[in-house]
Amino acid sequence: MPDTTLADLAHEVRAKNAGPFWVTMELFLRDADGYRLAADLVDERLIARLYRLEESVIRIFRIPSLNVVKISFPRPVSQGSLRDRDVHAGQHHVPLARVPVTVRRGDVP
């Protein structure tokens, strides 16, 4: 099977501004199987590596009834500051969406 990514399992992957000091990303998975794979894969260690953060500042919320994984962490610079290159935090989801997922036969229909 070709490389599968979190984006392939998701209906939507997005990032948004969560105030001037936080970013929130959300994975809306297509089904329970995709949710299970994503919920197992996405942890503080993965997010810390992708976004060069300390694991202790990352908050992950798993919502199985909605097939959603939500991740929040402090913005690298405050919103609107001179060094802010993404005022709405709309591009932060791209590294997360590109994370490869190993799908074994029978994992996802």
C-alpha atoms as a PDB file:
ATOM      1  CA  MET A   1       0.000   0.000   0.000  1.00  0.00           C
ATOM      2  CA  PRO A   2       1.364   3.486  -0.795  1.00  0.00           C
ATOM      3  CA  ASP A   3       2.341   5.745   2.078  1.00  0.00           C
ATOM      4  CA  THR A   4      -0.728   6.697   4.054  1.00  0.00           C
ATOM      5  CA  THR A   5      -0.731   9.922   6.064  1.00  0.00           C
ATOM      6  CA  LEU A   6      -2.925  11.300   8.815  1.00  0.00           C
ATOM      7  CA  ALA A   7      -4.503  13.548   6.166  1.00  0.00           C
ATOM      8  CA  ASP A   8      -5.579  10.435   4.241  1.00  0.00           C
ATOM      9  CA  LEU A   9      -7.460   9.142   7.289  1.00  0.00           C
ATOM     10  CA  ALA A  10      -9.062  12.485   8.062  1.00  0.00           C
ATOM     11  CA  HIS A  11     -12.088  14.297   6.789  1.00  0.00           C
ATOM     12  CA  GLU A  12     -10.272  17.488   7.794  1.00  0.00           C
ATOM     13  CA  VAL A  13      -7.000  18.506   9.440  1.00  0.00           C
ATOM     14  CA  ARG A  14      -6.864  22.109  10.528  1.00  0.00           C
ATOM     15  CA  ALA A  15      -5.040  24.554  12.726  1.00  0.00           C
ATOM     16  CA  LYS A  16      -6.396  27.718  14.183  1.00  0.00           C
ATOM     17  CA  ASN A  17      -5.551  30.544  16.440  1.00  0.00           C
ATOM     18  CA  ALA A  18      -6.579  29.780  20.020  1.00  0.00           C
ATOM     19  CA  GLY A  19      -5.880  33.251  21.368  1.00  0.00           C
ATOM     20  CA  PRO A  20      -2.704  35.295  21.144  1.00  0.00           C
ATOM     21  CA  PHE A  21      -0.554  32.678  22.880  1.00  0.00           C
ATOM     22  CA  TRP A  22      -1.881  29.248  21.815  1.00  0.00           C
ATOM     23  CA  VAL A  23      -2.386  27.198  18.643  1.00  0.00           C
ATOM     24  CA  THR A  24      -4.965  24.423  18.349  1.00  0.00           C
ATOM     25  CA  MET A  25      -4.919  21.717  15.702  1.00  0.00           C
ATOM     26  CA  GLU A  26      -7.714  19.264  15.052  1.00  0.00           C
ATOM     27  CA  LEU A  27      -7.872  15.941  13.267  1.00  0.00           C
ATOM     28  CA  PHE A  28     -11.422  15.063  12.231  1.00  0.00           C
ATOM     29  CA  LEU A  29     -11.081  11.394  11.355  1.00  0.00           C
ATOM     30  CA  ARG A  30     -13.389   9.750   8.816  1.00  0.00           C
ATOM     31  CA  ASP A  31     -14.316   6.786  10.998  1.00  0.00           C
ATOM     32  CA  ALA A  32     -13.613   4.916  14.223  1.00  0.00           C
ATOM     33  CA  ASP A  33     -10.803   2.864  12.663  1.00  0.00           C
ATOM     34  CA  GLY A  34      -8.963   5.964  11.486  1.00  0.00           C
ATOM     35  CA  TYR A  35      -9.571   7.591  14.854  1.00  0.00           C
ATOM     36  CA  ARG A  36      -8.057   4.605  16.648  1.00  0.00           C
ATOM     37  CA  LEU A  37      -4.932   4.745  14.481  1.00  0.00           C
ATOM     38  CA  ALA A  38      -4.554   8.503  14.911  1.00  0.00           C
ATOM     39  CA  ALA A  39      -5.303   8.470  18.638  1.00  0.00           C
ATOM     40  CA  ASP A  40      -2.599   5.843  19.157  1.00  0.00           C
ATOM     41  CA  LEU A  41      -0.065   7.624  16.963  1.00  0.00           C
ATOM     42  CA  VAL A  42      -0.506  11.251  18.008  1.00  0.00           C
ATOM     43  CA  ASP A  43       1.094  11.827  21.377  1.00  0.00           C
ATOM     44  CA  GLU A  44       3.163  14.502  23.100  1.00  0.00           C
ATOM     45  CA  ARG A  45       6.401  12.966  21.864  1.00  0.00           C
ATOM     46  CA  LEU A  46       5.345  13.145  18.197  1.00  0.00           C
ATOM     47  CA  ILE A  47       4.069  16.728  18.484  1.00  0.00           C
ATOM     48  CA  ALA A  48       7.193  17.822  20.365  1.00  0.00           C
ATOM     49  CA  ARG A  49       9.369  16.423  17.587  1.00  0.00           C
ATOM     50  CA  LEU A  50       7.298  17.937  14.764  1.00  0.00           C
ATOM     51  CA  TYR A  51       7.040  21.402  16.285  1.00  0.00           C
ATOM     52  CA  ARG A  52      10.255  21.559  18.331  1.00  0.00           C
ATOM     53  CA  LEU A  53       8.453  21.867  21.653  1.00  0.00           C
ATOM     54  CA  GLU A  54       8.854  20.513  25.152  1.00  0.00           C
ATOM     55  CA  GLU A  55       6.460  17.621  25.705  1.00  0.00           C
ATOM     56  CA  SER A  56       5.260  19.181  28.965  1.00  0.00           C
ATOM     57  CA  VAL A  57       3.583  22.151  27.222  1.00  0.00           C
ATOM     58  CA  ILE A  58       1.496  20.067  24.809  1.00  0.00           C
ATOM     59  CA  ARG A  59      -2.160  19.287  25.525  1.00  0.00           C
ATOM     60  CA  ILE A  60      -3.884  16.474  23.633  1.00  0.00           C
ATOM     61  CA  PHE A  61      -7.606  15.821  23.805  1.00  0.00           C
ATOM     62  CA  ARG A  62      -9.008  12.610  22.371  1.00  0.00           C
ATOM     63  CA  ILE A  63     -12.742  12.644  21.682  1.00  0.00           C
ATOM     64  CA  PRO A  64     -13.739   9.159  20.486  1.00  0.00           C
ATOM     65  CA  SER A  65     -17.456   9.917  20.254  1.00  0.00           C
ATOM     66  CA  LEU A  66     -16.632  12.484  17.536  1.00  0.00           C
ATOM     67  CA  ASN A  67     -13.569  10.730  16.034  1.00  0.00           C
ATOM     68  CA  VAL A  68     -11.512  13.847  16.856  1.00  0.00           C
ATOM     69  CA  VAL A  69      -7.994  14.366  18.168  1.00  0.00           C
ATOM     70  CA  LYS A  70      -7.313  17.924  19.293  1.00  0.00           C
ATOM     71  CA  ILE A  71      -3.825  19.250  20.050  1.00  0.00           C
ATOM     72  CA  SER A  72      -2.979  22.577  21.699  1.00  0.00           C
ATOM     73  CA  PHE A  73       0.377  24.157  22.422  1.00  0.00           C
ATOM     74  CA  PRO A  74       1.855  27.610  23.017  1.00  0.00           C
ATOM     75  CA  ARG A  75       2.488  29.669  19.902  1.00  0.00           C
ATOM     76  CA  PRO A  76       6.190  30.032  19.083  1.00  0.00           C
ATOM     77  CA  VAL A  77       5.713  33.833  19.137  1.00  0.00           C
ATOM     78  CA  SER A  78       2.671  35.773  20.250  1.00  0.00           C
ATOM     79  CA  GLN A  79       0.006  36.563  17.673  1.00  0.00           C
ATOM     80  CA  GLY A  80       0.621  39.781  15.781  1.00  0.00           C
ATOM     81  CA  SER A  81       4.167  40.251  17.028  1.00  0.00           C
ATOM     82  CA  LEU A  82       6.837  41.362  14.553  1.00  0.00           C
ATOM     83  CA  ARG A  83       8.112  37.768  14.266  1.00  0.00           C
ATOM     84  CA  ASP A  84       4.646  36.226  13.747  1.00  0.00           C
ATOM     85  CA  ARG A  85       4.510  34.741  10.243  1.00  0.00           C
ATOM     86  CA  ASP A  86       1.050  33.191  10.528  1.00  0.00           C
ATOM     87  CA  VAL A  87      -1.339  35.480  12.419  1.00  0.00           C
ATOM     88  CA  HIS A  88      -4.252  33.031  12.212  1.00  0.00           C
ATOM     89  CA  ALA A  89      -2.092  29.927  12.846  1.00  0.00           C
ATOM     90  CA  GLY A  90      -3.717  28.457   9.753  1.00  0.00           C
ATOM     91  CA  GLN A  91      -0.617  26.670   8.425  1.00  0.00           C
ATOM     92  CA  HIS A  92       0.554  24.850  11.548  1.00  0.00           C
ATOM     93  CA  HIS A  93      -1.381  21.696  10.638  1.00  0.00           C
ATOM     94  CA  VAL A  94       0.719  20.825   7.584  1.00  0.00           C
ATOM     95  CA  PRO A  95       3.488  18.836   9.364  1.00  0.00           C
ATOM     96  CA  LEU A  96       0.834  16.932  11.331  1.00  0.00           C
ATOM     97  CA  ALA A  97      -1.194  16.124   8.211  1.00  0.00           C
ATOM     98  CA  ARG A  98       1.919  14.694   6.528  1.00  0.00           C
ATOM     99  CA  VAL A  99       2.749  12.222   9.319  1.00  0.00           C
ATOM    100  CA  PRO A 100       2.941   8.726   7.827  1.00  0.00           C
ATOM    101  CA  VAL A 101       0.651   6.058   9.240  1.00  0.00           C
ATOM    102  CA  THR A 102       1.352   2.370   8.991  1.00  0.00           C
ATOM    103  CA  VAL A 103      -1.878   0.719   7.957  1.00  0.00           C
ATOM    104  CA  ARG A 104      -1.940  -3.042   8.180  1.00  0.00           C
ATOM    105  CA  ARG A 105      -4.414  -5.107   6.274  1.00  0.00           C
ATOM    106  CA  GLY A 106      -7.643  -5.055   8.244  1.00  0.00           C
ATOM    107  CA  ASP A 107      -6.841  -1.831  10.168  1.00  0.00           C
ATOM    108  CA  VAL A 108      -8.880   0.490   7.963  1.00  0.00           C
ATOM    109  CA  PRO A 109     -11.422  -0.689   5.408  1.00  0.00           C
END
